[in-house]
Every structure is written in structure tokens, then in C-alpha cells.
Amino acid sequence: MISAELKATILAAINLDDWEIDDDTVASQVPGWDSLTHVNVIAAVEERFGVLFGIPDVVALRKIGDLQRLLDSKLQHKGK
């Protein structure tokens, strides 16, 4: 399940007030999410949560649920 904080971060990076996103949502289903916006979304998530994603991790992302799982993994390792 996508956290409210991740959803808000994504929507702010795309300049959307609201949009329904869930684990299975892909970028092409979200208005205004293109390749440049994708970079902005990743940068916004990294900044908001204080994590860094590797290029292979970002390239492997297919759905928003993948981003949530990657973020959860990074936050878990950050806390150790």
C-alpha cells in the first residue's frame, strides 16, 4: 500500500493536487508524468525521505508499488 506521505511527495513533484495512485499504478497512467518528471519524482522522494537510490534500482521500477518497496527497504537499512 502506498503511504500517504509518498503519494503526497509524488503528486507535489508532478504538480497535481490529487490523483488516485496505488501499488499497480504506472507512470503513464498519471497525467504529466513523463521521463523528465520521473527524474523529478525520484529526486523529490530522495530529498523528502533522506535516502539515495542507485541507478539500477531506479531503472528496475515499473509501478508505484515498486517505488514504495524500494523506499521501505532504504528506510529500514537507514535505521540500522
C-alpha atoms as a PDB file:
ATOM      1  CA  MET A   1       0.000   0.000   0.000  1.00  0.00           C
ATOM      2  CA  ILE A   2       1.288   3.435  -0.928  1.00  0.00           C
ATOM      3  CA  SER A   3       1.859   5.660   2.101  1.00  0.00           C
ATOM      4  CA  ALA A   4       0.084   8.999   2.239  1.00  0.00           C
ATOM      5  CA  GLU A   5       3.476  10.690   2.554  1.00  0.00           C
ATOM      6  CA  LEU A   6       4.855   9.045  -0.592  1.00  0.00           C
ATOM      7  CA  LYS A   7       1.675   9.847  -2.502  1.00  0.00           C
ATOM      8  CA  ALA A   8       1.844  13.498  -1.436  1.00  0.00           C
ATOM      9  CA  THR A   9       5.520  13.694  -2.429  1.00  0.00           C
ATOM     10  CA  ILE A  10       4.833  12.210  -5.861  1.00  0.00           C
ATOM     11  CA  LEU A  11       1.835  14.445  -6.537  1.00  0.00           C
ATOM     12  CA  ALA A  12       3.753  17.561  -5.457  1.00  0.00           C
ATOM     13  CA  ALA A  13       6.639  16.648  -7.797  1.00  0.00           C
ATOM     14  CA  ILE A  14       4.168  16.291 -10.680  1.00  0.00           C
ATOM     15  CA  ASN A  15       2.207  19.415  -9.693  1.00  0.00           C
ATOM     16  CA  LEU A  16      -1.064  17.548  -9.240  1.00  0.00           C
ATOM     17  CA  ASP A  17      -3.449  18.459  -6.442  1.00  0.00           C
ATOM     18  CA  ASP A  18      -4.850  14.945  -6.316  1.00  0.00           C
ATOM     19  CA  TRP A  19      -4.823  11.764  -8.338  1.00  0.00           C
ATOM     20  CA  GLU A  20      -5.678   8.206  -7.419  1.00  0.00           C
ATOM     21  CA  ILE A  21      -2.499   6.132  -7.295  1.00  0.00           C
ATOM     22  CA  ASP A  22      -1.911   2.707  -5.827  1.00  0.00           C
ATOM     23  CA  ASP A  23       0.608  -0.147  -5.925  1.00  0.00           C
ATOM     24  CA  ASP A  24      -0.247  -1.061  -9.526  1.00  0.00           C
ATOM     25  CA  THR A  25      -0.213   2.462 -10.966  1.00  0.00           C
ATOM     26  CA  VAL A  26       2.370   3.050 -13.690  1.00  0.00           C
ATOM     27  CA  ALA A  27       3.755   6.447 -14.675  1.00  0.00           C
ATOM     28  CA  SER A  28       1.892   6.521 -17.987  1.00  0.00           C
ATOM     29  CA  GLN A  29      -1.420   6.463 -16.093  1.00  0.00           C
ATOM     30  CA  VAL A  30      -0.637   9.707 -14.261  1.00  0.00           C
ATOM     31  CA  PRO A  31      -1.160  12.995 -16.135  1.00  0.00           C
ATOM     32  CA  GLY A  32       2.072  14.869 -16.720  1.00  0.00           C
ATOM     33  CA  TRP A  33       4.387  12.020 -15.656  1.00  0.00           C
ATOM     34  CA  ASP A  34       6.978  11.731 -18.401  1.00  0.00           C
ATOM     35  CA  SER A  35      10.694  10.888 -18.372  1.00  0.00           C
ATOM     36  CA  LEU A  36      11.726  14.319 -17.082  1.00  0.00           C
ATOM     37  CA  THR A  37       9.037  14.262 -14.420  1.00  0.00           C
ATOM     38  CA  HIS A  38      10.234  10.785 -13.435  1.00  0.00           C
ATOM     39  CA  VAL A  39      13.629  12.260 -12.536  1.00  0.00           C
ATOM     40  CA  ASN A  40      11.885  14.970 -10.508  1.00  0.00           C
ATOM     41  CA  VAL A  41       9.770  12.391  -8.666  1.00  0.00           C
ATOM     42  CA  ILE A  42      12.805  10.292  -7.748  1.00  0.00           C
ATOM     43  CA  ALA A  43      14.745  13.383  -6.600  1.00  0.00           C
ATOM     44  CA  ALA A  44      11.774  14.599  -4.532  1.00  0.00           C
ATOM     45  CA  VAL A  45      11.387  11.211  -2.838  1.00  0.00           C
ATOM     46  CA  GLU A  46      15.116  11.030  -2.093  1.00  0.00           C
ATOM     47  CA  GLU A  47      15.072  14.524  -0.605  1.00  0.00           C
ATOM     48  CA  ARG A  48      11.868  14.089   1.399  1.00  0.00           C
ATOM     49  CA  PHE A  49      12.888  10.779   2.950  1.00  0.00           C
ATOM     50  CA  GLY A  50      16.653  11.344   3.148  1.00  0.00           C
ATOM     51  CA  VAL A  51      17.592   8.347   1.017  1.00  0.00           C
ATOM     52  CA  LEU A  52      19.560   7.775  -2.176  1.00  0.00           C
ATOM     53  CA  PHE A  53      18.553   5.339  -4.888  1.00  0.00           C
ATOM     54  CA  GLY A  54      21.068   3.671  -7.187  1.00  0.00           C
ATOM     55  CA  ILE A  55      20.586   3.873 -10.923  1.00  0.00           C
ATOM     56  CA  PRO A  56      19.916   0.103 -11.222  1.00  0.00           C
ATOM     57  CA  ASP A  57      17.194   0.437  -8.561  1.00  0.00           C
ATOM     58  CA  VAL A  58      15.509   3.308 -10.381  1.00  0.00           C
ATOM     59  CA  VAL A  59      15.694   1.586 -13.762  1.00  0.00           C
ATOM     60  CA  ALA A  60      14.040  -1.512 -12.283  1.00  0.00           C
ATOM     61  CA  LEU A  61      10.979   0.439 -11.070  1.00  0.00           C
ATOM     62  CA  ARG A  62       7.848  -0.439 -13.019  1.00  0.00           C
ATOM     63  CA  LYS A  63       4.985   0.532 -10.707  1.00  0.00           C
ATOM     64  CA  ILE A  64       4.499   2.908  -7.829  1.00  0.00           C
ATOM     65  CA  GLY A  65       4.344  -0.100  -5.521  1.00  0.00           C
ATOM     66  CA  ASP A  66       7.914  -0.898  -6.587  1.00  0.00           C
ATOM     67  CA  LEU A  67       8.951   2.592  -5.508  1.00  0.00           C
ATOM     68  CA  GLN A  68       7.220   2.138  -2.143  1.00  0.00           C
ATOM     69  CA  ARG A  69       9.014  -1.188  -1.561  1.00  0.00           C
ATOM     70  CA  LEU A  70      12.374   0.311  -2.560  1.00  0.00           C
ATOM     71  CA  LEU A  71      11.785   3.256  -0.243  1.00  0.00           C
ATOM     72  CA  ASP A  72      10.767   0.969   2.629  1.00  0.00           C
ATOM     73  CA  SER A  73      13.935  -1.072   2.106  1.00  0.00           C
ATOM     74  CA  LYS A  74      16.140   2.020   2.119  1.00  0.00           C
ATOM     75  CA  LEU A  75      14.445   3.398   5.226  1.00  0.00           C
ATOM     76  CA  GLN A  76      14.822   0.072   7.016  1.00  0.00           C
ATOM     77  CA  HIS A  77      18.551  -0.025   6.273  1.00  0.00           C
ATOM     78  CA  LYS A  78      18.906   3.650   7.186  1.00  0.00           C
ATOM     79  CA  GLY A  79      17.509   2.950  10.647  1.00  0.00           C
ATOM     80  CA  LYS A  80      20.089   0.278  11.414  1.00  0.00           C
END
